[in-house]
Amino acid sequence: MTDARQRAKDQISLDQVTDWWSTAISDIEPGVIRLRGYPIEQLLRTRTSFVEMIWLMLRGEVAEPAQASLLELALVAAVDHGPQAPSIAAARMAMTCGVGINNAVGHRGEPPGRRPRRRG
């Protein structure tokens, strides 16, 4: 170990490092895992759904049934809107024109080769 690294280690305590990396989302120590304050065993025992878990992680609270249902509907609707959607068709056409995947995904629905409009 270099002298500079040893001096740095001597100046910082383990508590300072632990506090720096602490979050309100998870609390993990030997034999204990808590997510937003809930022990992982409790979340597993009550069969917390994937959608309820997303709500808990994002909001910090257990979702009401109506909230979980609404979030599930939003997630399902956002997954894939099919190959016939205009945005998908435009990206597929851009790819077949050979503009590359980054340009095809980021073209914003404009025809291939057209310069983007300036905003503002």
PDB file of N, CA and C in Angstrom:
ATOM      1  N   MET A   1       0.844  -1.175   0.000  1.00  0.00           N
ATOM      2  CA  MET A   1       0.000   0.000   0.000  1.00  0.00           C
ATOM      3  C   MET A   1       0.892   1.241   0.000  1.00  0.00           C
ATOM      4  N   THR A   2       0.496   2.190  -0.814  1.00  0.00           N
ATOM      5  CA  THR A   2       1.289   3.418  -0.894  1.00  0.00           C
ATOM      6  C   THR A   2       1.067   4.274   0.354  1.00  0.00           C
ATOM      7  N   ASP A   3       1.999   5.171   0.598  1.00  0.00           N
ATOM      8  CA  ASP A   3       1.876   6.073   1.755  1.00  0.00           C
ATOM      9  C   ASP A   3       0.629   6.947   1.643  1.00  0.00           C
ATOM     10  N   ALA A   4       0.354   7.448   0.441  1.00  0.00           N
ATOM     11  CA  ALA A   4      -0.811   8.308   0.237  1.00  0.00           C
ATOM     12  C   ALA A   4      -2.102   7.553   0.549  1.00  0.00           C
ATOM     13  N   ARG A   5      -2.185   6.309   0.120  1.00  0.00           N
ATOM     14  CA  ARG A   5      -3.387   5.516   0.391  1.00  0.00           C
ATOM     15  C   ARG A   5      -3.520   5.237   1.885  1.00  0.00           C
ATOM     16  N   GLN A   6      -2.436   4.945   2.542  1.00  0.00           N
ATOM     17  CA  GLN A   6      -2.478   4.692   3.979  1.00  0.00           C
ATOM     18  C   GLN A   6      -2.919   5.936   4.738  1.00  0.00           C
ATOM     19  N   ARG A   7      -2.417   7.105   4.344  1.00  0.00           N
ATOM     20  CA  ARG A   7      -2.830   8.353   4.991  1.00  0.00           C
ATOM     21  C   ARG A   7      -4.330   8.595   4.792  1.00  0.00           C
ATOM     22  N   ALA A   8      -4.827   8.326   3.588  1.00  0.00           N
ATOM     23  CA  ALA A   8      -6.262   8.487   3.319  1.00  0.00           C
ATOM     24  C   ALA A   8      -7.083   7.552   4.195  1.00  0.00           C
ATOM     25  N   LYS A   9      -6.651   6.305   4.325  1.00  0.00           N
ATOM     26  CA  LYS A   9      -7.362   5.340   5.169  1.00  0.00           C
ATOM     27  C   LYS A   9      -7.368   5.774   6.619  1.00  0.00           C
ATOM     28  N   ASP A  10      -6.262   6.359   7.074  1.00  0.00           N
ATOM     29  CA  ASP A  10      -6.153   6.800   8.466  1.00  0.00           C
ATOM     30  C   ASP A  10      -7.082   7.978   8.761  1.00  0.00           C
ATOM     31  N   GLN A  11      -7.429   8.765   7.749  1.00  0.00           N
ATOM     32  CA  GLN A  11      -8.238   9.967   7.949  1.00  0.00           C
ATOM     33  C   GLN A  11      -9.743   9.700   7.909  1.00  0.00           C
ATOM     34  N   ILE A  12     -10.167   8.547   7.399  1.00  0.00           N
ATOM     35  CA  ILE A  12     -11.594   8.257   7.242  1.00  0.00           C
ATOM     36  C   ILE A  12     -11.962   7.038   8.075  1.00  0.00           C
ATOM     37  N   SER A  13     -13.041   7.182   8.849  1.00  0.00           N
ATOM     38  CA  SER A  13     -13.489   6.066   9.680  1.00  0.00           C
ATOM     39  C   SER A  13     -14.477   5.192   8.908  1.00  0.00           C
ATOM     40  N   LEU A  14     -14.666   3.997   9.397  1.00  0.00           N
ATOM     41  CA  LEU A  14     -15.630   3.074   8.789  1.00  0.00           C
ATOM     42  C   LEU A  14     -17.045   3.652   8.871  1.00  0.00           C
ATOM     43  N   ASP A  15     -17.358   4.344   9.984  1.00  0.00           N
ATOM     44  CA  ASP A  15     -18.679   4.964  10.122  1.00  0.00           C
ATOM     45  C   ASP A  15     -18.918   6.019   9.043  1.00  0.00           C
ATOM     46  N   GLN A  16     -17.895   6.800   8.703  1.00  0.00           N
ATOM     47  CA  GLN A  16     -18.038   7.809   7.664  1.00  0.00           C
ATOM     48  C   GLN A  16     -18.336   7.160   6.313  1.00  0.00           C
ATOM     49  N   VAL A  17     -17.674   6.081   6.028  1.00  0.00           N
ATOM     50  CA  VAL A  17     -17.901   5.381   4.759  1.00  0.00           C
ATOM     51  C   VAL A  17     -19.302   4.780   4.745  1.00  0.00           C
ATOM     52  N   THR A  18     -19.693   4.155   5.830  1.00  0.00           N
ATOM     53  CA  THR A  18     -21.018   3.549   5.918  1.00  0.00           C
ATOM     54  C   THR A  18     -22.111   4.604   5.781  1.00  0.00           C
ATOM     55  N   ASP A  19     -21.949   5.724   6.466  1.00  0.00           N
ATOM     56  CA  ASP A  19     -22.941   6.799   6.374  1.00  0.00           C
ATOM     57  C   ASP A  19     -23.040   7.342   4.952  1.00  0.00           C
ATOM     58  N   TRP A  20     -21.905   7.455   4.269  1.00  0.00           N
ATOM     59  CA  TRP A  20     -21.876   7.978   2.898  1.00  0.00           C
ATOM     60  C   TRP A  20     -22.735   7.120   1.972  1.00  0.00           C
ATOM     61  N   TRP A  21     -22.678   5.786   2.133  1.00  0.00           N
ATOM     62  CA  TRP A  21     -23.378   4.870   1.236  1.00  0.00           C
ATOM     63  C   TRP A  21     -24.768   4.484   1.726  1.00  0.00           C
ATOM     64  N   SER A  22     -25.213   4.995   2.861  1.00  0.00           N
ATOM     65  CA  SER A  22     -26.532   4.653   3.393  1.00  0.00           C
ATOM     66  C   SER A  22     -27.636   5.280   2.551  1.00  0.00           C
ATOM     67  N   THR A  23     -28.739   4.553   2.431  1.00  0.00           N
ATOM     68  CA  THR A  23     -29.910   5.072   1.718  1.00  0.00           C
ATOM     69  C   THR A  23     -31.156   4.755   2.531  1.00  0.00           C
ATOM     70  N   ALA A  24     -32.257   5.384   2.158  1.00  0.00           N
ATOM     71  CA  ALA A  24     -33.542   5.090   2.790  1.00  0.00           C
ATOM     72  C   ALA A  24     -34.201   3.880   2.142  1.00  0.00           C
ATOM     73  N   ILE A  25     -33.603   3.377   1.082  1.00  0.00           N
ATOM     74  CA  ILE A  25     -34.221   2.262   0.349  1.00  0.00           C
ATOM     75  C   ILE A  25     -33.892   0.928   0.993  1.00  0.00           C
ATOM     76  N   SER A  26     -32.624   0.688   1.262  1.00  0.00           N
ATOM     77  CA  SER A  26     -32.265  -0.616   1.816  1.00  0.00           C
ATOM     78  C   SER A  26     -31.358  -0.462   3.027  1.00  0.00           C
ATOM     79  N   ASP A  27     -31.486  -1.425   3.907  1.00  0.00           N
ATOM     80  CA  ASP A  27     -30.653  -1.499   5.099  1.00  0.00           C
ATOM     81  C   ASP A  27     -30.176  -2.943   5.183  1.00  0.00           C
ATOM     82  N   ILE A  28     -28.903  -3.141   4.965  1.00  0.00           N
ATOM     83  CA  ILE A  28     -28.371  -4.496   4.920  1.00  0.00           C
ATOM     84  C   ILE A  28     -27.227  -4.617   5.911  1.00  0.00           C
ATOM     85  N   GLU A  29     -27.324  -5.607   6.751  1.00  0.00           N
ATOM     86  CA  GLU A  29     -26.264  -5.957   7.690  1.00  0.00           C
ATOM     87  C   GLU A  29     -26.256  -7.474   7.789  1.00  0.00           C
ATOM     88  N   PRO A  30     -25.257  -8.044   8.415  1.00  0.00           N
ATOM     89  CA  PRO A  30     -25.213  -9.513   8.486  1.00  0.00           C
ATOM     90  C   PRO A  30     -26.509 -10.090   9.070  1.00  0.00           C
ATOM     91  N   GLY A  31     -27.175 -10.927   8.304  1.00  0.00           N
ATOM     92  CA  GLY A  31     -28.399 -11.589   8.737  1.00  0.00           C
ATOM     93  C   GLY A  31     -29.654 -10.751   8.648  1.00  0.00           C
ATOM     94  N   VAL A  32     -29.562  -9.516   8.143  1.00  0.00           N
ATOM     95  CA  VAL A  32     -30.724  -8.634   8.090  1.00  0.00           C
ATOM     96  C   VAL A  32     -30.764  -7.927   6.738  1.00  0.00           C
ATOM     97  N   ILE A  33     -31.916  -7.984   6.088  1.00  0.00           N
ATOM     98  CA  ILE A  33     -32.160  -7.198   4.881  1.00  0.00           C
ATOM     99  C   ILE A  33     -33.516  -6.537   5.062  1.00  0.00           C
ATOM    100  N   ARG A  34     -33.518  -5.210   5.054  1.00  0.00           N
ATOM    101  CA  ARG A  34     -34.763  -4.448   5.136  1.00  0.00           C
ATOM    102  C   ARG A  34     -34.862  -3.560   3.903  1.00  0.00           C
ATOM    103  N   LEU A  35     -36.030  -3.543   3.310  1.00  0.00           N
ATOM    104  CA  LEU A  35     -36.296  -2.693   2.156  1.00  0.00           C
ATOM    105  C   LEU A  35     -37.362  -1.690   2.557  1.00  0.00           C
ATOM    106  N   ARG A  36     -36.996  -0.418   2.541  1.00  0.00           N
ATOM    107  CA  ARG A  36     -37.874   0.665   2.997  1.00  0.00           C
ATOM    108  C   ARG A  36     -38.402   0.379   4.399  1.00  0.00           C
ATOM    109  N   GLY A  37     -37.570  -0.238   5.231  1.00  0.00           N
ATOM    110  CA  GLY A  37     -37.921  -0.514   6.618  1.00  0.00           C
ATOM    111  C   GLY A  37     -38.618  -1.836   6.854  1.00  0.00           C
ATOM    112  N   TYR A  38     -39.012  -2.528   5.790  1.00  0.00           N
ATOM    113  CA  TYR A  38     -39.700  -3.811   5.925  1.00  0.00           C
ATOM    114  C   TYR A  38     -38.705  -4.964   5.805  1.00  0.00           C
ATOM    115  N   PRO A  39     -38.696  -5.882   6.789  1.00  0.00           N
ATOM    116  CA  PRO A  39     -37.805  -7.044   6.656  1.00  0.00           C
ATOM    117  C   PRO A  39     -38.178  -7.856   5.412  1.00  0.00           C
ATOM    118  N   ILE A  40     -37.173  -8.306   4.691  1.00  0.00           N
ATOM    119  CA  ILE A  40     -37.415  -9.059   3.458  1.00  0.00           C
ATOM    120  C   ILE A  40     -38.276 -10.295   3.726  1.00  0.00           C
ATOM    121  N   GLU A  41     -38.113 -10.897   4.914  1.00  0.00           N
ATOM    122  CA  GLU A  41     -38.906 -12.081   5.256  1.00  0.00           C
ATOM    123  C   GLU A  41     -40.398 -11.747   5.283  1.00  0.00           C
ATOM    124  N   GLN A  42     -40.742 -10.572   5.805  1.00  0.00           N
ATOM    125  CA  GLN A  42     -42.145 -10.146   5.857  1.00  0.00           C
ATOM    126  C   GLN A  42     -42.693  -9.939   4.447  1.00  0.00           C
ATOM    127  N   LEU A  43     -41.901  -9.321   3.586  1.00  0.00           N
ATOM    128  CA  LEU A  43     -42.349  -9.083   2.213  1.00  0.00           C
ATOM    129  C   LEU A  43     -42.556 -10.404   1.472  1.00  0.00           C
ATOM    130  N   LEU A  44     -41.697 -11.365   1.741  1.00  0.00           N
ATOM    131  CA  LEU A  44     -41.847 -12.681   1.106  1.00  0.00           C
ATOM    132  C   LEU A  44     -43.033 -13.439   1.696  1.00  0.00           C
ATOM    133  N   ARG A  45     -43.177 -13.391   3.005  1.00  0.00           N
ATOM    134  CA  ARG A  45     -44.259 -14.110   3.670  1.00  0.00           C
ATOM    135  C   ARG A  45     -45.624 -13.605   3.228  1.00  0.00           C
ATOM    136  N   THR A  46     -45.760 -12.298   3.039  1.00  0.00           N
ATOM    137  CA  THR A  46     -47.053 -11.738   2.629  1.00  0.00           C
ATOM    138  C   THR A  46     -47.244 -11.782   1.115  1.00  0.00           C
ATOM    139  N   ARG A  47     -46.267 -12.399   0.439  1.00  0.00           N
ATOM    140  CA  ARG A  47     -46.321 -12.549  -1.015  1.00  0.00           C
ATOM    141  C   ARG A  47     -46.526 -11.204  -1.718  1.00  0.00           C
ATOM    142  N   THR A  48     -45.681 -10.247  -1.370  1.00  0.00           N
ATOM    143  CA  THR A  48     -45.711  -8.941  -2.015  1.00  0.00           C
ATOM    144  C   THR A  48     -45.492  -9.139  -3.507  1.00  0.00           C
ATOM    145  N   SER A  49     -46.371  -8.588  -4.313  1.00  0.00           N
ATOM    146  CA  SER A  49     -46.264  -8.757  -5.764  1.00  0.00           C
ATOM    147  C   SER A  49     -45.133  -7.886  -6.316  1.00  0.00           C
ATOM    148  N   PHE A  50     -44.745  -8.157  -7.537  1.00  0.00           N
ATOM    149  CA  PHE A  50     -43.707  -7.371  -8.199  1.00  0.00           C
ATOM    150  C   PHE A  50     -44.118  -5.895  -8.283  1.00  0.00           C
ATOM    151  N   VAL A  51     -45.358  -5.651  -8.661  1.00  0.00           N
ATOM    152  CA  VAL A  51     -45.861  -4.277  -8.782  1.00  0.00           C
ATOM    153  C   VAL A  51     -45.887  -3.601  -7.412  1.00  0.00           C
ATOM    154  N   GLU A  52     -46.327  -4.314  -6.396  1.00  0.00           N
ATOM    155  CA  GLU A  52     -46.328  -3.741  -5.043  1.00  0.00           C
ATOM    156  C   GLU A  52     -44.909  -3.426  -4.577  1.00  0.00           C
ATOM    157  N   MET A  53     -43.964  -4.254  -4.972  1.00  0.00           N
ATOM    158  CA  MET A  53     -42.570  -4.029  -4.608  1.00  0.00           C
ATOM    159  C   MET A  53     -42.015  -2.792  -5.308  1.00  0.00           C
ATOM    160  N   ILE A  54     -42.365  -2.619  -6.583  1.00  0.00           N
ATOM    161  CA  ILE A  54     -41.939  -1.413  -7.311  1.00  0.00           C
ATOM    162  C   ILE A  54     -42.498  -0.174  -6.614  1.00  0.00           C
ATOM    163  N   TRP A  55     -43.779  -0.224  -6.242  1.00  0.00           N
ATOM    164  CA  TRP A  55     -44.403   0.911  -5.553  1.00  0.00           C
ATOM    165  C   TRP A  55     -43.661   1.206  -4.243  1.00  0.00           C
ATOM    166  N   LEU A  56     -43.389   0.170  -3.483  1.00  0.00           N
ATOM    167  CA  LEU A  56     -42.686   0.336  -2.209  1.00  0.00           C
ATOM    168  C   LEU A  56     -41.306   0.959  -2.415  1.00  0.00           C
ATOM    169  N   MET A  57     -40.576   0.477  -3.406  1.00  0.00           N
ATOM    170  CA  MET A  57     -39.232   1.001  -3.650  1.00  0.00           C
ATOM    171  C   MET A  57     -39.273   2.469  -4.090  1.00  0.00           C
ATOM    172  N   LEU A  58     -40.249   2.817  -4.930  1.00  0.00           N
ATOM    173  CA  LEU A  58     -40.331   4.179  -5.453  1.00  0.00           C
ATOM    174  C   LEU A  58     -40.957   5.163  -4.474  1.00  0.00           C
ATOM    175  N   ARG A  59     -42.012   4.736  -3.802  1.00  0.00           N
ATOM    176  CA  ARG A  59     -42.787   5.651  -2.962  1.00  0.00           C
ATOM    177  C   ARG A  59     -42.444   5.555  -1.483  1.00  0.00           C
ATOM    178  N   GLY A  60     -41.879   4.427  -1.048  1.00  0.00           N
ATOM    179  CA  GLY A  60     -41.542   4.268   0.361  1.00  0.00           C
ATOM    180  C   GLY A  60     -42.707   3.868   1.236  1.00  0.00           C
ATOM    181  N   GLU A  61     -43.797   3.475   0.615  1.00  0.00           N
ATOM    182  CA  GLU A  61     -44.979   3.054   1.366  1.00  0.00           C
ATOM    183  C   GLU A  61     -45.628   1.879   0.650  1.00  0.00           C
ATOM    184  N   VAL A  62     -46.391   1.107   1.403  1.00  0.00           N
ATOM    185  CA  VAL A  62     -47.103  -0.027   0.824  1.00  0.00           C
ATOM    186  C   VAL A  62     -48.263   0.501  -0.007  1.00  0.00           C
ATOM    187  N   ALA A  63     -48.430  -0.047  -1.202  1.00  0.00           N
ATOM    188  CA  ALA A  63     -49.486   0.413  -2.109  1.00  0.00           C
ATOM    189  C   ALA A  63     -50.849  -0.065  -1.646  1.00  0.00           C
ATOM    190  N   GLU A  64     -51.827   0.807  -1.763  1.00  0.00           N
ATOM    191  CA  GLU A  64     -53.221   0.404  -1.586  1.00  0.00           C
ATOM    192  C   GLU A  64     -53.581  -0.466  -2.788  1.00  0.00           C
ATOM    193  N   PRO A  65     -54.582  -1.337  -2.663  1.00  0.00           N
ATOM    194  CA  PRO A  65     -54.951  -2.188  -3.802  1.00  0.00           C
ATOM    195  C   PRO A  65     -55.235  -1.414  -5.089  1.00  0.00           C
ATOM    196  N   ALA A  66     -55.923  -0.289  -4.986  1.00  0.00           N
ATOM    197  CA  ALA A  66     -56.228   0.507  -6.188  1.00  0.00           C
ATOM    198  C   ALA A  66     -54.956   1.090  -6.798  1.00  0.00           C
ATOM    199  N   GLN A  67     -54.003   1.501  -5.962  1.00  0.00           N
ATOM    200  CA  GLN A  67     -52.740   2.048  -6.463  1.00  0.00           C
ATOM    201  C   GLN A  67     -51.936   0.971  -7.187  1.00  0.00           C
ATOM    202  N   ALA A  68     -51.866  -0.223  -6.586  1.00  0.00           N
ATOM    203  CA  ALA A  68     -51.126  -1.327  -7.208  1.00  0.00           C
ATOM    204  C   ALA A  68     -51.766  -1.718  -8.535  1.00  0.00           C
ATOM    205  N   SER A  69     -53.091  -1.730  -8.565  1.00  0.00           N
ATOM    206  CA  SER A  69     -53.800  -2.085  -9.795  1.00  0.00           C
ATOM    207  C   SER A  69     -53.531  -1.071 -10.898  1.00  0.00           C
ATOM    208  N   LEU A  70     -53.565   0.204 -10.557  1.00  0.00           N
ATOM    209  CA  LEU A  70     -53.304   1.250 -11.545  1.00  0.00           C
ATOM    210  C   LEU A  70     -51.871   1.181 -12.060  1.00  0.00           C
ATOM    211  N   LEU A  71     -50.903   0.972 -11.155  1.00  0.00           N
ATOM    212  CA  LEU A  71     -49.510   0.854 -11.582  1.00  0.00           C
ATOM    213  C   LEU A  71     -49.320  -0.359 -12.487  1.00  0.00           C
ATOM    214  N   GLU A  72     -49.966  -1.465 -12.148  1.00  0.00           N
ATOM    215  CA  GLU A  72     -49.861  -2.657 -13.001  1.00  0.00           C
ATOM    216  C   GLU A  72     -50.405  -2.393 -14.396  1.00  0.00           C
ATOM    217  N   LEU A  73     -51.530  -1.725 -14.484  1.00  0.00           N
ATOM    218  CA  LEU A  73     -52.100  -1.394 -15.798  1.00  0.00           C
ATOM    219  C   LEU A  73     -51.158  -0.488 -16.591  1.00  0.00           C
ATOM    220  N   ALA A  74     -50.554   0.489 -15.921  1.00  0.00           N
ATOM    221  CA  ALA A  74     -49.618   1.393 -16.603  1.00  0.00           C
ATOM    222  C   ALA A  74     -48.391   0.635 -17.096  1.00  0.00           C
ATOM    223  N   LEU A  75     -47.873  -0.280 -16.283  1.00  0.00           N
ATOM    224  CA  LEU A  75     -46.697  -1.055 -16.692  1.00  0.00           C
ATOM    225  C   LEU A  75     -47.015  -1.973 -17.868  1.00  0.00           C
ATOM    226  N   VAL A  76     -48.159  -2.613 -17.830  1.00  0.00           N
ATOM    227  CA  VAL A  76     -48.555  -3.492 -18.936  1.00  0.00           C
ATOM    228  C   VAL A  76     -48.730  -2.683 -20.211  1.00  0.00           C
ATOM    229  N   ALA A  77     -49.368  -1.527 -20.109  1.00  0.00           N
ATOM    230  CA  ALA A  77     -49.589  -0.696 -21.294  1.00  0.00           C
ATOM    231  C   ALA A  77     -48.276  -0.176 -21.866  1.00  0.00           C
ATOM    232  N   ALA A  78     -47.280   0.025 -21.019  1.00  0.00           N
ATOM    233  CA  ALA A  78     -46.014   0.598 -21.473  1.00  0.00           C
ATOM    234  C   ALA A  78     -45.041  -0.436 -22.031  1.00  0.00           C
ATOM    235  N   VAL A  79     -45.298  -1.709 -21.822  1.00  0.00           N
ATOM    236  CA  VAL A  79     -44.346  -2.746 -22.224  1.00  0.00           C
ATOM    237  C   VAL A  79     -44.120  -2.763 -23.732  1.00  0.00           C
ATOM    238  N   ASP A  80     -45.169  -2.884 -24.498  1.00  0.00           N
ATOM    239  CA  ASP A  80     -45.005  -2.963 -25.948  1.00  0.00           C
ATOM    240  C   ASP A  80     -46.312  -2.549 -26.592  1.00  0.00           C
ATOM    241  N   HIS A  81     -46.222  -1.627 -27.492  1.00  0.00           N
ATOM    242  CA  HIS A  81     -47.446  -1.211 -28.162  1.00  0.00           C
ATOM    243  C   HIS A  81     -47.500  -1.736 -29.597  1.00  0.00           C
ATOM    244  N   GLY A  82     -46.750  -2.791 -29.858  1.00  0.00           N
ATOM    245  CA  GLY A  82     -46.875  -3.523 -31.106  1.00  0.00           C
ATOM    246  C   GLY A  82     -46.101  -2.971 -32.280  1.00  0.00           C
ATOM    247  N   PRO A  83     -45.908  -3.809 -33.302  1.00  0.00           N
ATOM    248  CA  PRO A  83     -45.104  -3.414 -34.465  1.00  0.00           C
ATOM    249  C   PRO A  83     -45.808  -2.444 -35.401  1.00  0.00           C
ATOM    250  N   GLN A  84     -47.110  -2.227 -35.232  1.00  0.00           N
ATOM    251  CA  GLN A  84     -47.826  -1.320 -36.127  1.00  0.00           C
ATOM    252  C   GLN A  84     -47.867   0.115 -35.632  1.00  0.00           C
ATOM    253  N   ALA A  85     -47.409   0.368 -34.428  1.00  0.00           N
ATOM    254  CA  ALA A  85     -47.425   1.744 -33.909  1.00  0.00           C
ATOM    255  C   ALA A  85     -46.534   2.618 -34.785  1.00  0.00           C
ATOM    256  N   PRO A  86     -46.930   3.859 -35.046  1.00  0.00           N
ATOM    257  CA  PRO A  86     -46.145   4.733 -35.924  1.00  0.00           C
ATOM    258  C   PRO A  86     -44.690   4.883 -35.507  1.00  0.00           C
ATOM    259  N   SER A  87     -44.431   4.975 -34.212  1.00  0.00           N
ATOM    260  CA  SER A  87     -43.047   5.137 -33.773  1.00  0.00           C
ATOM    261  C   SER A  87     -42.215   3.893 -34.084  1.00  0.00           C
ATOM    262  N   ILE A  88     -42.818   2.722 -33.946  1.00  0.00           N
ATOM    263  CA  ILE A  88     -42.098   1.482 -34.244  1.00  0.00           C
ATOM    264  C   ILE A  88     -41.877   1.363 -35.747  1.00  0.00           C
ATOM    265  N   ALA A  89     -42.908   1.654 -36.530  1.00  0.00           N
ATOM    266  CA  ALA A  89     -42.781   1.554 -37.985  1.00  0.00           C
ATOM    267  C   ALA A  89     -41.715   2.509 -38.505  1.00  0.00           C
ATOM    268  N   ALA A  90     -41.666   3.730 -37.970  1.00  0.00           N
ATOM    269  CA  ALA A  90     -40.669   4.707 -38.417  1.00  0.00           C
ATOM    270  C   ALA A  90     -39.256   4.247 -38.070  1.00  0.00           C
ATOM    271  N   ALA A  91     -39.091   3.694 -36.880  1.00  0.00           N
ATOM    272  CA  ALA A  91     -37.761   3.203 -36.489  1.00  0.00           C
ATOM    273  C   ALA A  91     -37.342   2.023 -37.364  1.00  0.00           C
ATOM    274  N   ARG A  92     -38.282   1.129 -37.683  1.00  0.00           N
ATOM    275  CA  ARG A  92     -37.956  -0.014 -38.537  1.00  0.00           C
ATOM    276  C   ARG A  92     -37.576   0.449 -39.941  1.00  0.00           C
ATOM    277  N   MET A  93     -38.307   1.435 -40.460  1.00  0.00           N
ATOM    278  CA  MET A  93     -37.956   1.951 -41.785  1.00  0.00           C
ATOM    279  C   MET A  93     -36.587   2.615 -41.768  1.00  0.00           C
ATOM    280  N   ALA A  94     -36.296   3.355 -40.711  1.00  0.00           N
ATOM    281  CA  ALA A  94     -34.993   4.010 -40.607  1.00  0.00           C
ATOM    282  C   ALA A  94     -33.878   2.969 -40.575  1.00  0.00           C
ATOM    283  N   MET A  95     -34.077   1.872 -39.874  1.00  0.00           N
ATOM    284  CA  MET A  95     -33.058   0.813 -39.820  1.00  0.00           C
ATOM    285  C   MET A  95     -32.840   0.197 -41.202  1.00  0.00           C
ATOM    286  N   THR A  96     -33.922  -0.029 -41.942  1.00  0.00           N
ATOM    287  CA  THR A  96     -33.763  -0.635 -43.262  1.00  0.00           C
ATOM    288  C   THR A  96     -33.076   0.314 -44.239  1.00  0.00           C
ATOM    289  N   CYS A  97     -33.103   1.617 -43.947  1.00  0.00           N
ATOM    290  CA  CYS A  97     -32.393   2.590 -44.792  1.00  0.00           C
ATOM    291  C   CYS A  97     -30.912   2.663 -44.448  1.00  0.00           C
ATOM    292  N   GLY A  98     -30.503   1.955 -43.402  1.00  0.00           N
ATOM    293  CA  GLY A  98     -29.093   1.881 -43.063  1.00  0.00           C
ATOM    294  C   GLY A  98     -28.542   3.035 -42.242  1.00  0.00           C
ATOM    295  N   VAL A  99     -29.381   3.690 -41.454  1.00  0.00           N
ATOM    296  CA  VAL A  99     -28.884   4.827 -40.675  1.00  0.00           C
ATOM    297  C   VAL A  99     -28.237   4.424 -39.356  1.00  0.00           C
ATOM    298  N   GLY A 100     -28.279   3.174 -38.983  1.00  0.00           N
ATOM    299  CA  GLY A 100     -27.704   2.720 -37.719  1.00  0.00           C
ATOM    300  C   GLY A 100     -28.738   2.736 -36.608  1.00  0.00           C
ATOM    301  N   ILE A 101     -28.515   1.864 -35.633  1.00  0.00           N
ATOM    302  CA  ILE A 101     -29.526   1.691 -34.587  1.00  0.00           C
ATOM    303  C   ILE A 101     -29.706   2.938 -33.729  1.00  0.00           C
ATOM    304  N   ASN A 102     -28.629   3.638 -33.399  1.00  0.00           N
ATOM    305  CA  ASN A 102     -28.773   4.839 -32.562  1.00  0.00           C
ATOM    306  C   ASN A 102     -29.633   5.889 -33.253  1.00  0.00           C
ATOM    307  N   ASN A 103     -29.393   6.112 -34.522  1.00  0.00           N
ATOM    308  CA  ASN A 103     -30.188   7.091 -35.258  1.00  0.00           C
ATOM    309  C   ASN A 103     -31.621   6.605 -35.472  1.00  0.00           C
ATOM    310  N   ALA A 104     -31.790   5.317 -35.686  1.00  0.00           N
ATOM    311  CA  ALA A 104     -33.137   4.785 -35.902  1.00  0.00           C
ATOM    312  C   ALA A 104     -33.992   4.946 -34.648  1.00  0.00           C
ATOM    313  N   VAL A 105     -33.418   4.688 -33.494  1.00  0.00           N
ATOM    314  CA  VAL A 105     -34.166   4.799 -32.252  1.00  0.00           C
ATOM    315  C   VAL A 105     -34.399   6.259 -31.882  1.00  0.00           C
ATOM    316  N   GLY A 106     -33.427   7.122 -32.165  1.00  0.00           N
ATOM    317  CA  GLY A 106     -33.528   8.503 -31.735  1.00  0.00           C
ATOM    318  C   GLY A 106     -33.991   9.483 -32.790  1.00  0.00           C
ATOM    319  N   HIS A 107     -34.558   9.017 -33.891  1.00  0.00           N
ATOM    320  CA  HIS A 107     -34.894   9.922 -34.995  1.00  0.00           C
ATOM    321  C   HIS A 107     -36.157  10.733 -34.761  1.00  0.00           C
ATOM    322  N   ARG A 108     -36.941  10.427 -33.746  1.00  0.00           N
ATOM    323  CA  ARG A 108     -38.169  11.161 -33.388  1.00  0.00           C
ATOM    324  C   ARG A 108     -39.225  11.114 -34.489  1.00  0.00           C
ATOM    325  N   GLY A 109     -39.241  10.071 -35.286  1.00  0.00           N
ATOM    326  CA  GLY A 109     -40.297   9.909 -36.284  1.00  0.00           C
ATOM    327  C   GLY A 109     -40.105  10.697 -37.559  1.00  0.00           C
ATOM    328  N   GLU A 110     -38.962  11.360 -37.727  1.00  0.00           N
ATOM    329  CA  GLU A 110     -38.729  12.123 -38.953  1.00  0.00           C
ATOM    330  C   GLU A 110     -38.137  11.209 -40.020  1.00  0.00           C
ATOM    331  N   PRO A 111     -38.340  11.524 -41.285  1.00  0.00           N
ATOM    332  CA  PRO A 111     -37.810  10.668 -42.349  1.00  0.00           C
ATOM    333  C   PRO A 111     -36.285  10.571 -42.286  1.00  0.00           C
ATOM    334  N   PRO A 112     -35.725   9.406 -42.657  1.00  0.00           N
ATOM    335  CA  PRO A 112     -34.280   9.248 -42.644  1.00  0.00           C
ATOM    336  C   PRO A 112     -33.601  10.295 -43.519  1.00  0.00           C
ATOM    337  N   GLY A 113     -32.493  10.839 -43.022  1.00  0.00           N
ATOM    338  CA  GLY A 113     -31.723  11.807 -43.781  1.00  0.00           C
ATOM    339  C   GLY A 113     -32.159  13.243 -43.584  1.00  0.00           C
ATOM    340  N   ARG A 114     -33.311  13.459 -43.019  1.00  0.00           N
ATOM    341  CA  ARG A 114     -33.778  14.821 -42.793  1.00  0.00           C
ATOM    342  C   ARG A 114     -33.101  15.405 -41.563  1.00  0.00           C
ATOM    343  N   ARG A 115     -32.669  16.638 -41.680  1.00  0.00           N
ATOM    344  CA  ARG A 115     -32.025  17.293 -40.556  1.00  0.00           C
ATOM    345  C   ARG A 115     -33.078  17.657 -39.518  1.00  0.00           C
ATOM    346  N   PRO A 116     -32.790  17.426 -38.242  1.00  0.00           N
ATOM    347  CA  PRO A 116     -33.769  17.775 -37.207  1.00  0.00           C
ATOM    348  C   PRO A 116     -34.021  19.276 -37.146  1.00  0.00           C
ATOM    349  N   ARG A 117     -35.258  19.632 -36.827  1.00  0.00           N
ATOM    350  CA  ARG A 117     -35.601  21.051 -36.665  1.00  0.00           C
ATOM    351  C   ARG A 117     -34.934  21.596 -35.398  1.00  0.00           C
ATOM    352  N   ARG A 118     -34.563  22.845 -35.467  1.00  0.00           N
ATOM    353  CA  ARG A 118     -34.004  23.504 -34.292  1.00  0.00           C
ATOM    354  C   ARG A 118     -35.156  23.925 -33.403  1.00  0.00           C
ATOM    355  N   ARG A 119     -34.976  23.702 -32.151  1.00  0.00           N
ATOM    356  CA  ARG A 119     -36.013  24.096 -31.185  1.00  0.00           C
ATOM    357  C   ARG A 119     -35.642  25.441 -30.581  1.00  0.00           C
ATOM    358  N   GLY A 120     -36.679  26.214 -30.278  1.00  0.00           N
ATOM    359  CA  GLY A 120     -36.418  27.455 -29.543  1.00  0.00           C
ATOM    360  C   GLY A 120     -36.612  28.685 -30.312  1.00  0.00           C
TER     361      GLY A 120
END
